[in-house]
Amino acid sequence: MAKTKTQLWDAANHLETREDMAAYLEAALEDGDPTLIAAALGDIARSKGMSQIARDTGLGRESLYKALSVEGNPEFATILKVFQALGLRLQVSTVARESLV
């Protein structure tokens, strides 16, 4: 039997349109896990080219890789700069709650 070759799945390889990126990030935001959100934003940045995002934000490429990883803890200012560089924006909407206590 022939050996099966496998590769790690990388979301960055599948984020081709702005709609893909927005849907991917929205799913991460709905989950609510800050590390997942940062990692998803990192996947999107890598799909666009981390060097270009670094130039557009004025931040270092290595520091962006680190901040936008599962182990990273980016400042909110960094998140906003990356959103702007990607041509994305945050929007606020209300959510239904059973109790506001």
N, C-alpha and C. Protein backbone atom coordinates (compact mmCIF):
# COMPACT_ATOMS: atom_id res chain seq x y z
N MET A 1 0.83 -1.17 0.00
CA MET A 1 0.00 0.00 0.00
C MET A 1 0.89 1.24 0.00
N ALA A 2 0.55 2.20 -0.85
CA ALA A 2 1.33 3.43 -0.96
C ALA A 2 1.06 4.32 0.26
N LYS A 3 2.11 5.03 0.65
CA LYS A 3 1.97 5.96 1.77
C LYS A 3 1.16 7.18 1.33
N THR A 4 0.31 7.63 2.21
CA THR A 4 -0.47 8.83 1.95
C THR A 4 0.28 10.03 2.48
N LYS A 5 0.45 11.03 1.63
CA LYS A 5 1.10 12.27 2.06
C LYS A 5 0.03 13.22 2.55
N THR A 6 0.29 13.81 3.69
CA THR A 6 -0.65 14.79 4.24
C THR A 6 0.08 16.11 4.45
N GLN A 7 -0.70 17.16 4.49
CA GLN A 7 -0.17 18.49 4.79
C GLN A 7 -1.04 19.11 5.86
N LEU A 8 -0.43 19.97 6.65
CA LEU A 8 -1.21 20.71 7.62
C LEU A 8 -2.15 21.65 6.87
N TRP A 9 -3.39 21.75 7.34
CA TRP A 9 -4.35 22.64 6.72
C TRP A 9 -4.06 24.05 7.19
N ASP A 10 -3.98 24.98 6.26
CA ASP A 10 -3.68 26.36 6.59
C ASP A 10 -4.80 27.24 6.03
N ALA A 11 -5.54 27.88 6.91
CA ALA A 11 -6.66 28.72 6.49
C ALA A 11 -6.21 29.82 5.54
N ALA A 12 -5.01 30.32 5.70
CA ALA A 12 -4.51 31.41 4.85
C ALA A 12 -4.52 31.04 3.38
N ASN A 13 -4.40 29.76 3.08
CA ASN A 13 -4.40 29.30 1.69
C ASN A 13 -5.79 29.29 1.07
N HIS A 14 -6.82 29.51 1.87
CA HIS A 14 -8.19 29.41 1.39
C HIS A 14 -8.97 30.72 1.51
N LEU A 15 -8.32 31.77 1.94
CA LEU A 15 -8.97 33.07 2.11
C LEU A 15 -8.65 33.93 0.89
N GLU A 16 -9.48 33.83 -0.13
CA GLU A 16 -9.17 34.47 -1.40
C GLU A 16 -9.88 35.80 -1.60
N THR A 17 -11.08 35.95 -1.07
CA THR A 17 -11.85 37.18 -1.27
C THR A 17 -12.06 37.89 0.05
N ARG A 18 -12.45 39.15 -0.04
CA ARG A 18 -12.76 39.90 1.19
C ARG A 18 -13.93 39.27 1.92
N GLU A 19 -14.86 38.70 1.15
CA GLU A 19 -16.01 38.04 1.77
C GLU A 19 -15.57 36.80 2.55
N ASP A 20 -14.61 36.04 1.99
CA ASP A 20 -14.04 34.89 2.70
C ASP A 20 -13.44 35.34 4.02
N MET A 21 -12.66 36.41 3.95
CA MET A 21 -11.97 36.92 5.13
C MET A 21 -12.96 37.40 6.18
N ALA A 22 -13.97 38.13 5.73
CA ALA A 22 -14.97 38.65 6.68
C ALA A 22 -15.74 37.52 7.34
N ALA A 23 -16.12 36.50 6.57
CA ALA A 23 -16.87 35.38 7.14
C ALA A 23 -16.01 34.60 8.13
N TYR A 24 -14.75 34.40 7.80
CA TYR A 24 -13.83 33.68 8.68
C TYR A 24 -13.64 34.43 10.00
N LEU A 25 -13.43 35.73 9.90
CA LEU A 25 -13.24 36.54 11.10
C LEU A 25 -14.52 36.64 11.90
N GLU A 26 -15.65 36.74 11.24
CA GLU A 26 -16.92 36.81 11.95
C GLU A 26 -17.17 35.53 12.75
N ALA A 27 -16.83 34.39 12.17
CA ALA A 27 -16.98 33.12 12.90
C ALA A 27 -16.09 33.11 14.14
N ALA A 28 -14.87 33.62 14.02
CA ALA A 28 -13.98 33.69 15.18
C ALA A 28 -14.53 34.64 16.24
N LEU A 29 -15.07 35.77 15.80
CA LEU A 29 -15.65 36.73 16.75
C LEU A 29 -16.86 36.15 17.46
N GLU A 30 -17.67 35.38 16.75
CA GLU A 30 -18.84 34.75 17.38
C GLU A 30 -18.43 33.75 18.45
N ASP A 31 -17.30 33.08 18.24
CA ASP A 31 -16.81 32.14 19.24
C ASP A 31 -16.43 32.87 20.52
N GLY A 32 -15.85 34.07 20.36
CA GLY A 32 -15.54 34.90 21.52
C GLY A 32 -14.20 34.63 22.19
N ASP A 33 -13.43 33.70 21.70
CA ASP A 33 -12.12 33.39 22.29
C ASP A 33 -11.09 34.37 21.74
N PRO A 34 -10.50 35.21 22.59
CA PRO A 34 -9.54 36.21 22.10
C PRO A 34 -8.35 35.62 21.35
N THR A 35 -7.86 34.46 21.77
CA THR A 35 -6.73 33.86 21.07
C THR A 35 -7.14 33.38 19.68
N LEU A 36 -8.35 32.88 19.56
CA LEU A 36 -8.85 32.45 18.25
C LEU A 36 -9.04 33.65 17.33
N ILE A 37 -9.53 34.75 17.86
CA ILE A 37 -9.73 35.96 17.07
C ILE A 37 -8.39 36.48 16.55
N ALA A 38 -7.39 36.54 17.43
CA ALA A 38 -6.06 37.01 17.01
C ALA A 38 -5.46 36.08 15.97
N ALA A 39 -5.60 34.77 16.18
CA ALA A 39 -5.06 33.81 15.22
C ALA A 39 -5.78 33.90 13.88
N ALA A 40 -7.09 34.09 13.89
CA ALA A 40 -7.84 34.24 12.64
C ALA A 40 -7.39 35.50 11.91
N LEU A 41 -7.19 36.58 12.64
CA LEU A 41 -6.70 37.80 12.02
C LEU A 41 -5.30 37.58 11.45
N GLY A 42 -4.50 36.78 12.14
CA GLY A 42 -3.17 36.43 11.64
C GLY A 42 -3.25 35.61 10.36
N ASP A 43 -4.19 34.67 10.30
CA ASP A 43 -4.39 33.88 9.07
C ASP A 43 -4.75 34.79 7.91
N ILE A 44 -5.64 35.73 8.17
CA ILE A 44 -6.06 36.67 7.12
C ILE A 44 -4.88 37.53 6.68
N ALA A 45 -4.11 38.02 7.63
CA ALA A 45 -2.94 38.85 7.31
C ALA A 45 -1.93 38.05 6.48
N ARG A 46 -1.71 36.79 6.84
CA ARG A 46 -0.78 35.97 6.06
C ARG A 46 -1.30 35.73 4.65
N SER A 47 -2.62 35.61 4.50
CA SER A 47 -3.18 35.38 3.17
C SER A 47 -2.97 36.60 2.27
N LYS A 48 -2.90 37.78 2.86
CA LYS A 48 -2.68 39.01 2.09
C LYS A 48 -1.19 39.33 1.94
N GLY A 49 -0.37 38.72 2.79
CA GLY A 49 1.07 38.97 2.77
C GLY A 49 1.47 39.75 4.01
N MET A 50 2.10 39.08 4.95
CA MET A 50 2.44 39.70 6.22
C MET A 50 3.40 40.87 6.04
N SER A 51 4.30 40.79 5.06
CA SER A 51 5.23 41.90 4.83
C SER A 51 4.48 43.16 4.43
N GLN A 52 3.49 43.01 3.57
CA GLN A 52 2.70 44.16 3.14
C GLN A 52 1.89 44.73 4.31
N ILE A 53 1.31 43.84 5.12
CA ILE A 53 0.53 44.29 6.28
C ILE A 53 1.46 45.03 7.25
N ALA A 54 2.66 44.53 7.44
CA ALA A 54 3.63 45.20 8.32
C ALA A 54 3.94 46.60 7.81
N ARG A 55 4.16 46.73 6.50
CA ARG A 55 4.43 48.06 5.94
C ARG A 55 3.23 48.98 6.12
N ASP A 56 2.03 48.46 5.85
CA ASP A 56 0.82 49.27 5.94
C ASP A 56 0.50 49.72 7.37
N THR A 57 0.88 48.90 8.34
CA THR A 57 0.59 49.24 9.74
C THR A 57 1.73 49.98 10.41
N GLY A 58 2.92 49.91 9.83
CA GLY A 58 4.09 50.51 10.46
C GLY A 58 4.65 49.65 11.59
N LEU A 59 4.24 48.39 11.64
CA LEU A 59 4.70 47.47 12.68
C LEU A 59 5.68 46.47 12.08
N GLY A 60 6.49 45.86 12.93
CA GLY A 60 7.46 44.87 12.47
C GLY A 60 6.78 43.56 12.06
N ARG A 61 7.29 42.96 10.99
CA ARG A 61 6.71 41.72 10.49
C ARG A 61 6.77 40.62 11.53
N GLU A 62 7.93 40.44 12.18
CA GLU A 62 8.07 39.38 13.19
C GLU A 62 7.15 39.61 14.38
N SER A 63 7.02 40.89 14.78
CA SER A 63 6.14 41.17 15.92
C SER A 63 4.68 40.92 15.55
N LEU A 64 4.30 41.16 14.29
CA LEU A 64 2.94 40.85 13.85
C LEU A 64 2.70 39.34 13.86
N TYR A 65 3.67 38.58 13.34
CA TYR A 65 3.53 37.12 13.38
C TYR A 65 3.31 36.64 14.80
N LYS A 66 4.09 37.17 15.72
CA LYS A 66 3.99 36.76 17.12
C LYS A 66 2.66 37.20 17.74
N ALA A 67 2.29 38.46 17.53
CA ALA A 67 1.07 39.00 18.13
C ALA A 67 -0.18 38.30 17.59
N LEU A 68 -0.17 37.97 16.29
CA LEU A 68 -1.35 37.39 15.65
C LEU A 68 -1.25 35.88 15.54
N SER A 69 -0.78 35.27 16.60
CA SER A 69 -0.70 33.82 16.68
C SER A 69 -1.52 33.35 17.88
N VAL A 70 -1.66 32.05 18.01
CA VAL A 70 -2.41 31.49 19.14
C VAL A 70 -1.74 31.88 20.46
N GLU A 71 -0.43 32.00 20.45
CA GLU A 71 0.30 32.36 21.67
C GLU A 71 0.37 33.86 21.89
N GLY A 72 -0.02 34.66 20.89
CA GLY A 72 0.11 36.11 20.97
C GLY A 72 -0.93 36.75 21.86
N ASN A 73 -0.64 37.98 22.21
CA ASN A 73 -1.57 38.78 23.01
C ASN A 73 -1.47 40.22 22.50
N PRO A 74 -2.04 40.48 21.31
CA PRO A 74 -1.85 41.80 20.70
C PRO A 74 -2.61 42.90 21.43
N GLU A 75 -2.05 44.09 21.37
CA GLU A 75 -2.76 45.25 21.91
C GLU A 75 -3.92 45.56 20.97
N PHE A 76 -4.93 46.21 21.51
CA PHE A 76 -6.10 46.54 20.71
C PHE A 76 -5.72 47.49 19.57
N ALA A 77 -4.76 48.36 19.80
CA ALA A 77 -4.29 49.27 18.77
C ALA A 77 -3.71 48.49 17.59
N THR A 78 -3.02 47.40 17.87
CA THR A 78 -2.47 46.56 16.81
C THR A 78 -3.60 45.93 16.01
N ILE A 79 -4.61 45.43 16.71
CA ILE A 79 -5.77 44.83 16.03
C ILE A 79 -6.41 45.85 15.09
N LEU A 80 -6.61 47.06 15.57
CA LEU A 80 -7.24 48.10 14.75
C LEU A 80 -6.39 48.45 13.53
N LYS A 81 -5.07 48.52 13.71
CA LYS A 81 -4.19 48.82 12.58
C LYS A 81 -4.25 47.71 11.53
N VAL A 82 -4.31 46.47 11.97
CA VAL A 82 -4.38 45.35 11.03
C VAL A 82 -5.72 45.36 10.31
N PHE A 83 -6.80 45.61 11.03
CA PHE A 83 -8.11 45.72 10.39
C PHE A 83 -8.06 46.76 9.28
N GLN A 84 -7.50 47.95 9.58
CA GLN A 84 -7.43 49.02 8.59
C GLN A 84 -6.58 48.60 7.40
N ALA A 85 -5.44 47.98 7.65
CA ALA A 85 -4.55 47.55 6.57
C ALA A 85 -5.22 46.51 5.67
N LEU A 86 -6.11 45.71 6.24
CA LEU A 86 -6.80 44.68 5.46
C LEU A 86 -8.05 45.22 4.76
N GLY A 87 -8.40 46.46 5.06
CA GLY A 87 -9.62 47.01 4.46
C GLY A 87 -10.88 46.48 5.12
N LEU A 88 -10.76 46.11 6.39
CA LEU A 88 -11.90 45.61 7.16
C LEU A 88 -12.23 46.60 8.26
N ARG A 89 -13.43 46.51 8.82
CA ARG A 89 -13.78 47.35 9.95
C ARG A 89 -14.65 46.56 10.92
N LEU A 90 -14.56 46.94 12.17
CA LEU A 90 -15.40 46.35 13.20
C LEU A 90 -16.74 47.07 13.21
N GLN A 91 -17.80 46.32 13.41
CA GLN A 91 -19.12 46.91 13.55
C GLN A 91 -19.75 46.37 14.82
N VAL A 92 -20.64 47.16 15.39
CA VAL A 92 -21.29 46.77 16.63
C VAL A 92 -22.76 46.48 16.34
N SER A 93 -23.25 45.42 16.95
CA SER A 93 -24.67 45.12 16.87
C SER A 93 -25.11 44.57 18.23
N THR A 94 -26.37 44.62 18.49
CA THR A 94 -26.89 44.13 19.76
C THR A 94 -27.15 42.63 19.66
N VAL A 95 -27.13 42.00 20.81
CA VAL A 95 -27.47 40.58 20.90
C VAL A 95 -28.63 40.42 21.87
N ALA A 96 -29.47 39.47 21.59
CA ALA A 96 -30.60 39.19 22.49
C ALA A 96 -30.07 38.50 23.73
N ARG A 97 -30.57 38.92 24.87
CA ARG A 97 -30.17 38.30 26.14
C ARG A 97 -31.43 37.94 26.91
N GLU A 98 -31.32 36.84 27.63
CA GLU A 98 -32.47 36.41 28.45
C GLU A 98 -32.65 37.33 29.65
N SER A 99 -31.54 37.74 30.23
CA SER A 99 -31.62 38.60 31.41
C SER A 99 -30.47 39.58 31.38
N LEU A 100 -30.71 40.79 31.74
CA LEU A 100 -29.66 41.81 31.78
C LEU A 100 -29.19 42.06 33.20
N VAL A 101 -29.41 41.12 34.11
CA VAL A 101 -29.02 41.27 35.52
C VAL A 101 -27.55 41.13 35.68
